[in-house]
C-alpha atoms as a PDB file:
ATOM      1  CA  MET A   1      41.657 -43.805 -37.736  1.00  0.00           C
ATOM      2  CA  GLU A   2      40.359 -47.312 -36.712  1.00  0.00           C
ATOM      3  CA  GLU A   3      38.811 -49.346 -39.461  1.00  0.00           C
ATOM      4  CA  LEU A   4      35.485 -48.858 -39.887  1.00  0.00           C
ATOM      5  CA  THR A   5      32.651 -51.702 -40.752  1.00  0.00           C
ATOM      6  CA  TRP A   6      30.658 -50.172 -43.042  1.00  0.00           C
ATOM      7  CA  GLN A   7      26.626 -51.365 -43.447  1.00  0.00           C
ATOM      8  CA  ARG A   8      23.658 -50.474 -45.719  1.00  0.00           C
ATOM      9  CA  PRO A   9      20.076 -51.245 -45.789  1.00  0.00           C
ATOM     10  CA  SER A  10      18.943 -54.348 -46.687  1.00  0.00           C
ATOM     11  CA  ARG A  11      16.839 -52.750 -49.435  1.00  0.00           C
ATOM     12  CA  CYS A  12      19.869 -51.521 -51.034  1.00  0.00           C
ATOM     13  CA  ALA A  13      21.741 -55.025 -51.456  1.00  0.00           C
ATOM     14  CA  ASP A  14      23.231 -54.733 -54.965  1.00  0.00           C
ATOM     15  CA  SER A  15      22.821 -51.167 -55.362  1.00  0.00           C
ATOM     16  CA  SER A  16      25.324 -48.668 -56.301  1.00  0.00           C
ATOM     17  CA  ASN A  17      23.644 -45.643 -54.818  1.00  0.00           C
ATOM     18  CA  CYS A  18      23.066 -46.502 -50.971  1.00  0.00           C
ATOM     19  CA  PRO A  19      23.903 -44.722 -47.755  1.00  0.00           C
ATOM     20  CA  GLU A  20      26.340 -46.756 -45.726  1.00  0.00           C
ATOM     21  CA  VAL A  21      26.784 -46.203 -41.738  1.00  0.00           C
ATOM     22  CA  ALA A  22      29.609 -47.250 -39.790  1.00  0.00           C
ATOM     23  CA  VAL A  23      29.166 -46.960 -35.515  1.00  0.00           C
ATOM     24  CA  THR A  24      31.930 -46.747 -33.272  1.00  0.00           C
ATOM     25  CA  ALA A  25      32.232 -46.150 -29.465  1.00  0.00           C
ATOM     26  CA  ASP A  26      31.919 -42.208 -29.651  1.00  0.00           C
ATOM     27  CA  ALA A  27      30.622 -41.583 -33.301  1.00  0.00           C
ATOM     28  CA  VAL A  28      28.557 -42.638 -36.182  1.00  0.00           C
ATOM     29  CA  HIS A  29      30.059 -42.033 -39.759  1.00  0.00           C
ATOM     30  CA  LEU A  30      27.943 -41.585 -42.758  1.00  0.00           C
ATOM     31  CA  ARG A  31      28.845 -42.091 -46.572  1.00  0.00           C
ATOM     32  CA  SER A  32      27.178 -42.523 -49.812  1.00  0.00           C
ATOM     33  CA  SER A  33      28.402 -45.867 -51.912  1.00  0.00           C
ATOM     34  CA  LEU A  34      28.833 -43.277 -54.745  1.00  0.00           C
ATOM     35  CA  ARG A  35      31.657 -41.441 -52.871  1.00  0.00           C
ATOM     36  CA  PRO A  36      32.823 -43.687 -50.228  1.00  0.00           C
ATOM     37  CA  THR A  37      35.934 -41.417 -49.601  1.00  0.00           C
ATOM     38  CA  GLU A  38      33.758 -38.564 -48.388  1.00  0.00           C
ATOM     39  CA  VAL A  39      32.470 -39.481 -44.964  1.00  0.00           C
ATOM     40  CA  THR A  40      30.593 -37.254 -42.374  1.00  0.00           C
ATOM     41  CA  ARG A  41      31.005 -37.905 -38.860  1.00  0.00           C
ATOM     42  CA  LEU A  42      28.653 -37.325 -36.121  1.00  0.00           C
ATOM     43  CA  THR A  43      28.725 -37.874 -32.473  1.00  0.00           C
ATOM     44  CA  LEU A  44      26.142 -39.785 -30.655  1.00  0.00           C
ATOM     45  CA  PRO A  45      23.728 -36.865 -29.769  1.00  0.00           C
ATOM     46  CA  GLU A  46      24.054 -35.455 -33.475  1.00  0.00           C
ATOM     47  CA  TRP A  47      22.785 -38.912 -34.594  1.00  0.00           C
ATOM     48  CA  ARG A  48      20.119 -39.124 -32.169  1.00  0.00           C
ATOM     49  CA  ASP A  49      18.788 -35.449 -33.347  1.00  0.00           C
ATOM     50  CA  LEU A  50      19.139 -36.579 -37.115  1.00  0.00           C
ATOM     51  CA  LEU A  51      17.200 -39.647 -36.660  1.00  0.00           C
ATOM     52  CA  THR A  52      14.419 -37.814 -34.747  1.00  0.00           C
ATOM     53  CA  ALA A  53      14.478 -35.287 -37.182  1.00  0.00           C
ATOM     54  CA  ILE A  54      13.861 -37.893 -39.716  1.00  0.00           C
ATOM     55  CA  ARG A  55      11.177 -39.729 -37.976  1.00  0.00           C
ATOM     56  CA  ASP A  56       9.244 -36.291 -37.021  1.00  0.00           C
ATOM     57  CA  GLY A  57       9.151 -35.203 -40.940  1.00  0.00           C
ATOM     58  CA  GLU A  58      11.266 -32.019 -40.644  1.00  0.00           C
ATOM     59  CA  PHE A  59      12.776 -33.085 -44.298  1.00  0.00           C
ATOM     60  CA  ASP A  60       9.556 -34.327 -46.009  1.00  0.00           C
ATOM     61  CA  ALA A  61       8.946 -32.200 -48.942  1.00  0.00           C
END
């Protein structure tokens, strides 16, 4: 597996509970800074669908 470069939102600068994302040519990898060994891999279409659903409020309570 290639070495991933993880990024977190700027609002999480020093927090210990942040989402982290690593983008490669064919996938987007997601993890929580609390559990860095548990990584979810999404294809680019899956990532695009997730972002669309978030923007559209599909997960709002």
